[in-house]
Amino acid sequence: MPLLPEHRWLICLDIDGTLVHDDGYLSPRVAAEVKRVQELGHLVVVATGRSAINAIGVTKEIGLLDGKLISSNGAVTVRIDHDHPRGYIQEEVITFDPTEVLTKLISSLPHAHFAVEDAEGVYHFHKEFPADALGDVNHETPLEELMHRPVSRIVVLSPEQETEEFVDTVATLGLSSVSYAIGYSAWLDIAPLGVTKASALEVVRAHNDIRPDQIITVGDGRNDISMFEWAKAGGGLAFAMGQGPEEVHAAASFVTDAVEDDGVASVLSGFEGILFTRSLG
């Protein structure tokens, strides 16, 4: 018998550094725990910085046969459909004109590597990125041509800079017309203004009538802080992966094990304990 909405939880999971290791490995223990909580009737949603086309395979590995996938840090929401040639059907794509932002970035970071993600989830880059960083669907494109199409995301990699120096440089640019998140290294993701994993997940939560205090979020990066704050604001729970930076740990309710030690499985194996504790409250 399906769970009533008032008993159903929304479990929001990042991919890289959370569900999978740096090399893409997904622990069988993690996959088993994700499938287990789904079978209990709870809603699992993946929320990732990856494009949909580069994330859909992971949703299949963890047993998500339908529902939503939040990709591109909230700019793209798709409906999972593994019978479709791509594995999904686009539902919402939020784009913006990259010209002004790219112009500022290029001026301040002339040696950086730039890429944009178009509305179809295809990346266009002007200088080489690390292997697999942009997935399988990408095209080398002259820098000036990166500005000639609406995009759902700009990606910036500045390998010559230390993270703190990179953070300081970006902070001076006054990127007020967009939302941005900085990764572990000198890596920057830029999305349309007001668009985050949290903004997209709130749409999913409201559509499914799930109570704001019945949310669990798990992530490891700075782009997960928005969904941590969203979960906690409604009375839900935020778990940071053990290997994440201190800034991410500080934003979470709790810190779980590192991805190498199956941190997601550690959280979900204690799910019944969370429910019991809440029932006592």
Protein backbone atom coordinates (compact mmCIF):
# COMPACT_ATOMS: atom_id res chain seq x y z
CA MET A 1 0.00 0.00 0.00
CA PRO A 2 1.52 3.39 -0.98
CA LEU A 3 2.57 5.70 1.83
CA LEU A 4 0.27 8.61 2.53
CA PRO A 5 1.87 11.99 1.70
CA GLU A 6 2.15 12.87 5.39
CA HIS A 7 4.32 9.79 5.97
CA ARG A 8 6.51 10.11 2.90
CA TRP A 9 10.03 11.55 3.00
CA LEU A 10 11.98 13.25 0.22
CA ILE A 11 15.59 12.06 0.04
CA CYS A 12 17.84 14.28 -2.09
CA LEU A 13 21.21 12.91 -3.18
CA ASP A 14 24.16 14.51 -4.94
CA ILE A 15 26.17 12.31 -7.36
CA ASP A 16 29.88 13.05 -7.49
CA GLY A 17 31.59 12.60 -4.15
CA THR A 18 28.30 11.46 -2.62
CA LEU A 19 26.80 8.54 -4.53
CA VAL A 20 29.90 7.80 -6.60
CA HIS A 21 33.66 8.02 -6.09
CA ASP A 22 35.93 10.26 -8.15
CA ASP A 23 36.41 7.45 -10.65
CA GLY A 24 32.65 6.90 -11.02
CA TYR A 25 32.50 3.79 -8.81
CA LEU A 26 29.15 3.19 -7.10
CA SER A 27 29.33 1.00 -4.02
CA PRO A 28 26.84 -1.91 -4.06
CA ARG A 29 26.06 -1.11 -0.41
CA VAL A 30 25.06 2.45 -1.34
CA ALA A 31 22.93 1.26 -4.27
CA ALA A 32 21.21 -1.32 -2.04
CA GLU A 33 20.31 1.24 0.64
CA VAL A 34 18.93 3.70 -1.92
CA LYS A 35 16.75 0.96 -3.40
CA ARG A 36 15.64 -0.12 0.08
CA VAL A 37 14.28 3.29 1.09
CA GLN A 38 12.52 3.57 -2.27
CA GLU A 39 10.83 0.23 -1.63
CA LEU A 40 9.62 1.62 1.70
CA GLY A 41 7.70 4.18 -0.36
CA HIS A 42 9.87 7.26 0.05
CA LEU A 43 10.82 9.57 -2.81
CA VAL A 44 14.48 9.62 -3.85
CA VAL A 45 15.61 12.45 -6.13
CA VAL A 46 19.10 12.95 -7.51
CA ALA A 47 20.22 16.60 -7.56
CA THR A 48 23.53 17.09 -9.33
CA GLY A 49 25.77 19.58 -11.04
CA ARG A 50 26.10 17.18 -13.94
CA SER A 51 24.06 17.66 -17.09
CA ALA A 52 21.09 15.31 -17.42
CA ILE A 53 22.70 13.29 -20.17
CA ASN A 54 25.73 12.67 -17.94
CA ALA A 55 23.66 11.86 -14.85
CA ILE A 56 20.93 9.57 -16.15
CA GLY A 57 23.11 6.45 -16.02
CA VAL A 58 23.63 6.84 -12.27
CA THR A 59 19.88 7.11 -11.65
CA LYS A 60 19.45 3.76 -13.37
CA GLU A 61 22.24 2.20 -11.29
CA ILE A 62 20.50 3.17 -8.06
CA GLY A 63 17.12 1.90 -9.26
CA LEU A 64 15.29 5.13 -10.07
CA LEU A 65 12.84 3.96 -12.70
CA ASP A 66 10.74 7.14 -12.83
CA GLY A 67 10.37 10.49 -11.12
CA LYS A 68 12.50 13.61 -11.53
CA LEU A 69 16.21 14.21 -12.01
CA ILE A 70 17.53 17.64 -11.03
CA SER A 71 20.60 18.43 -13.12
CA SER A 72 22.88 21.36 -13.95
CA ASN A 73 22.60 22.60 -10.35
CA GLY A 74 18.85 23.12 -10.68
CA ALA A 75 18.70 24.70 -14.14
CA VAL A 76 17.42 21.54 -15.83
CA THR A 77 14.70 19.20 -14.55
CA VAL A 78 13.87 16.04 -16.47
CA ARG A 79 11.47 13.15 -16.07
CA ILE A 80 13.24 9.80 -15.93
CA ASP A 81 12.12 7.46 -18.71
CA HIS A 82 14.59 4.67 -19.41
CA ASP A 83 12.57 3.60 -22.45
CA HIS A 84 13.36 6.91 -24.12
CA PRO A 85 16.53 6.93 -26.28
CA ARG A 86 18.16 9.48 -23.94
CA GLY A 87 16.73 7.90 -20.80
CA TYR A 88 14.72 10.99 -19.90
CA ILE A 89 12.31 13.65 -21.16
CA GLN A 90 13.10 17.31 -20.55
CA GLU A 91 10.53 19.14 -18.42
CA GLU A 92 12.14 22.47 -17.56
CA VAL A 93 15.28 24.16 -18.86
CA ILE A 94 16.16 27.58 -17.44
CA THR A 95 18.67 29.51 -19.54
CA PHE A 96 20.31 32.93 -19.59
CA ASP A 97 22.41 35.09 -21.89
CA PRO A 98 26.07 34.41 -20.98
CA THR A 99 27.57 37.42 -22.76
CA GLU A 100 27.96 39.86 -19.85
CA VAL A 101 29.14 37.27 -17.35
CA LEU A 102 31.62 35.63 -19.73
CA THR A 103 33.02 39.02 -20.69
CA LYS A 104 33.76 39.80 -17.03
CA LEU A 105 35.24 36.38 -16.39
CA ILE A 106 37.48 36.40 -19.45
CA SER A 107 38.80 39.82 -18.51
CA SER A 108 39.63 38.81 -14.93
CA LEU A 109 40.69 35.20 -15.63
CA PRO A 110 42.35 35.34 -19.05
CA HIS A 111 44.10 31.98 -18.65
CA ALA A 112 41.06 30.06 -17.42
CA HIS A 113 39.22 27.32 -19.28
CA PHE A 114 35.58 28.17 -20.13
CA ALA A 115 32.65 25.98 -21.14
CA VAL A 116 28.91 26.50 -21.53
CA GLU A 117 26.08 23.99 -21.35
CA ASP A 118 23.32 24.59 -23.89
CA ALA A 119 19.61 23.82 -23.53
CA GLU A 120 20.13 20.26 -24.81
CA GLY A 121 22.78 19.47 -22.21
CA VAL A 122 25.65 19.68 -24.70
CA TYR A 123 28.87 21.36 -23.58
CA HIS A 124 30.89 23.74 -25.74
CA PHE A 125 34.40 24.52 -24.50
CA HIS A 126 37.27 26.62 -25.81
CA LYS A 127 40.17 25.04 -23.87
CA GLU A 128 40.60 21.43 -22.76
CA PHE A 129 39.00 20.22 -19.52
CA PRO A 130 40.06 17.17 -17.48
CA ALA A 131 38.96 13.81 -18.89
CA ASP A 132 35.27 13.09 -18.20
CA ALA A 133 34.70 16.49 -16.53
CA LEU A 134 32.18 17.49 -19.21
CA GLY A 135 30.86 14.02 -19.96
CA ASP A 136 30.72 12.40 -23.38
CA VAL A 137 28.80 15.07 -25.31
CA ASN A 138 30.96 18.13 -25.83
CA HIS A 139 32.46 20.19 -28.63
CA GLU A 140 35.52 22.39 -28.85
CA THR A 141 34.33 25.86 -29.85
CA PRO A 142 36.09 29.22 -30.34
CA LEU A 143 35.85 31.41 -27.26
CA GLU A 144 33.83 34.16 -28.93
CA GLU A 145 31.22 31.63 -30.07
CA LEU A 146 30.49 30.56 -26.49
CA MET A 147 28.49 33.78 -26.14
CA HIS A 148 26.19 33.23 -29.09
CA ARG A 149 23.59 30.91 -27.55
CA PRO A 150 21.36 30.83 -24.44
CA VAL A 151 22.95 28.58 -21.81
CA SER A 152 21.86 26.82 -18.66
CA ARG A 153 25.34 26.94 -17.17
CA ILE A 154 28.80 28.42 -17.50
CA VAL A 155 31.73 26.37 -16.19
CA VAL A 156 35.08 27.95 -15.35
CA LEU A 157 38.28 26.06 -14.51
CA SER A 158 41.36 28.01 -13.44
CA PRO A 159 44.02 25.38 -12.67
CA GLU A 160 46.80 27.91 -12.18
CA GLN A 161 45.10 29.43 -9.14
CA GLU A 162 44.76 28.25 -5.56
CA THR A 163 41.15 27.88 -4.41
CA GLU A 164 41.19 30.84 -2.01
CA GLU A 165 42.74 33.14 -4.61
CA PHE A 166 40.10 31.99 -7.09
CA VAL A 167 37.30 32.61 -4.57
CA ASP A 168 38.59 36.13 -3.93
CA THR A 169 38.85 36.89 -7.66
CA VAL A 170 35.31 35.73 -8.35
CA ALA A 171 33.97 37.69 -5.36
CA THR A 172 35.31 40.94 -6.84
CA LEU A 173 33.44 40.45 -10.13
CA GLY A 174 30.01 41.33 -8.74
CA LEU A 175 28.15 38.53 -10.52
CA SER A 176 24.75 39.78 -9.34
CA SER A 177 22.73 38.55 -12.32
CA VAL A 178 23.50 34.86 -11.77
CA SER A 179 23.85 32.23 -9.05
CA TYR A 180 27.23 30.62 -8.64
CA ALA A 181 28.96 27.93 -6.61
CA ILE A 182 32.67 27.21 -6.31
CA GLY A 183 33.94 23.64 -6.15
CA TYR A 184 36.85 22.08 -4.25
CA SER A 185 39.48 23.45 -6.63
CA ALA A 186 39.42 26.51 -8.85
CA TRP A 187 36.16 25.39 -10.48
CA LEU A 188 33.13 27.64 -10.83
CA ASP A 189 29.56 26.74 -11.84
CA ILE A 190 27.32 29.65 -12.87
CA ALA A 191 23.54 29.24 -13.21
CA PRO A 192 20.62 31.60 -13.94
CA LEU A 193 19.82 34.00 -11.12
CA GLY A 194 17.98 32.33 -8.24
CA VAL A 195 18.46 28.84 -9.68
CA THR A 196 19.99 26.27 -7.34
CA LYS A 197 19.50 22.64 -6.44
CA ALA A 198 17.23 23.91 -3.65
CA SER A 199 14.95 25.93 -5.93
CA ALA A 200 14.34 22.92 -8.18
CA LEU A 201 13.90 20.51 -5.28
CA GLU A 202 11.28 22.75 -3.67
CA VAL A 203 9.17 22.40 -6.81
CA VAL A 204 9.41 18.60 -6.51
CA ARG A 205 8.59 18.69 -2.80
CA ALA A 206 5.53 20.89 -3.27
CA HIS A 207 4.26 18.84 -6.22
CA ASN A 208 4.42 15.67 -4.12
CA ASP A 209 2.90 17.26 -0.98
CA ILE A 210 5.84 16.19 1.16
CA ARG A 211 6.16 17.99 4.48
CA PRO A 212 9.12 20.41 4.68
CA ASP A 213 10.36 18.71 7.85
CA GLN A 214 10.49 15.32 6.12
CA ILE A 215 13.48 15.99 3.89
CA ILE A 216 16.95 14.48 3.93
CA THR A 217 19.72 15.97 1.80
CA VAL A 218 23.17 14.44 1.31
CA GLY A 219 26.06 16.12 -0.51
CA ASP A 220 29.74 16.94 -0.38
CA GLY A 221 30.34 20.21 -2.24
CA ARG A 222 29.73 23.92 -1.99
CA ASN A 223 26.97 23.62 -4.58
CA ASP A 224 25.12 21.46 -2.04
CA ILE A 225 24.99 24.17 0.62
CA SER A 226 21.82 25.66 -0.89
CA MET A 227 19.93 22.40 -0.51
CA PHE A 228 21.30 21.94 3.02
CA GLU A 229 19.99 25.36 4.01
CA TRP A 230 16.64 24.66 2.31
CA ALA A 231 16.22 21.35 4.14
CA LYS A 232 17.17 22.77 7.51
CA ALA A 233 14.93 25.84 7.10
CA GLY A 234 11.89 23.57 6.87
CA GLY A 235 12.94 21.32 9.74
CA GLY A 236 14.57 18.66 7.59
CA LEU A 237 18.06 17.16 7.81
CA ALA A 238 21.28 17.84 5.91
CA PHE A 239 24.19 15.39 5.86
CA ALA A 240 27.64 16.39 4.60
CA MET A 241 29.99 13.72 3.30
CA GLY A 242 33.06 13.22 5.48
CA GLN A 243 35.60 14.21 2.84
CA GLY A 244 33.88 17.51 2.04
CA PRO A 245 35.42 20.88 2.94
CA GLU A 246 34.84 22.47 6.33
CA GLU A 247 32.52 25.09 4.82
CA VAL A 248 30.18 22.32 3.70
CA HIS A 249 30.40 20.50 7.03
CA ALA A 250 29.46 23.72 8.83
CA ALA A 251 26.33 24.11 6.69
CA ALA A 252 25.03 20.60 7.45
CA SER A 253 23.06 19.15 10.34
CA PHE A 254 25.48 16.22 10.59
CA VAL A 255 28.64 14.89 8.96
CA THR A 256 28.49 11.29 7.75
CA ASP A 257 31.25 8.99 6.49
CA ALA A 258 33.33 9.80 3.42
CA VAL A 259 32.26 8.53 0.01
CA GLU A 260 34.99 5.87 0.18
CA ASP A 261 33.31 4.59 3.37
CA ASP A 262 29.78 4.56 1.91
CA GLY A 263 28.52 7.69 3.66
CA VAL A 264 25.15 7.62 1.87
CA ALA A 265 24.59 4.05 3.03
CA SER A 266 25.49 5.09 6.58
CA VAL A 267 22.76 7.73 6.49
CA LEU A 268 20.09 5.58 4.88
CA SER A 269 20.77 2.47 6.97
CA GLY A 270 19.84 4.62 9.95
CA PHE A 271 16.65 5.88 8.32
CA GLU A 272 14.33 3.94 10.61
CA GLY A 273 16.21 5.40 13.55
CA ILE A 274 15.55 8.88 12.20
CA LEU A 275 11.86 8.07 11.88
CA PHE A 276 11.74 6.70 15.42
CA THR A 277 13.50 9.74 16.85
CA ARG A 278 11.09 12.05 15.04
CA SER A 279 8.09 10.09 16.36
CA LEU A 280 9.31 10.71 19.91
CA GLY A 281 9.52 14.44 19.20
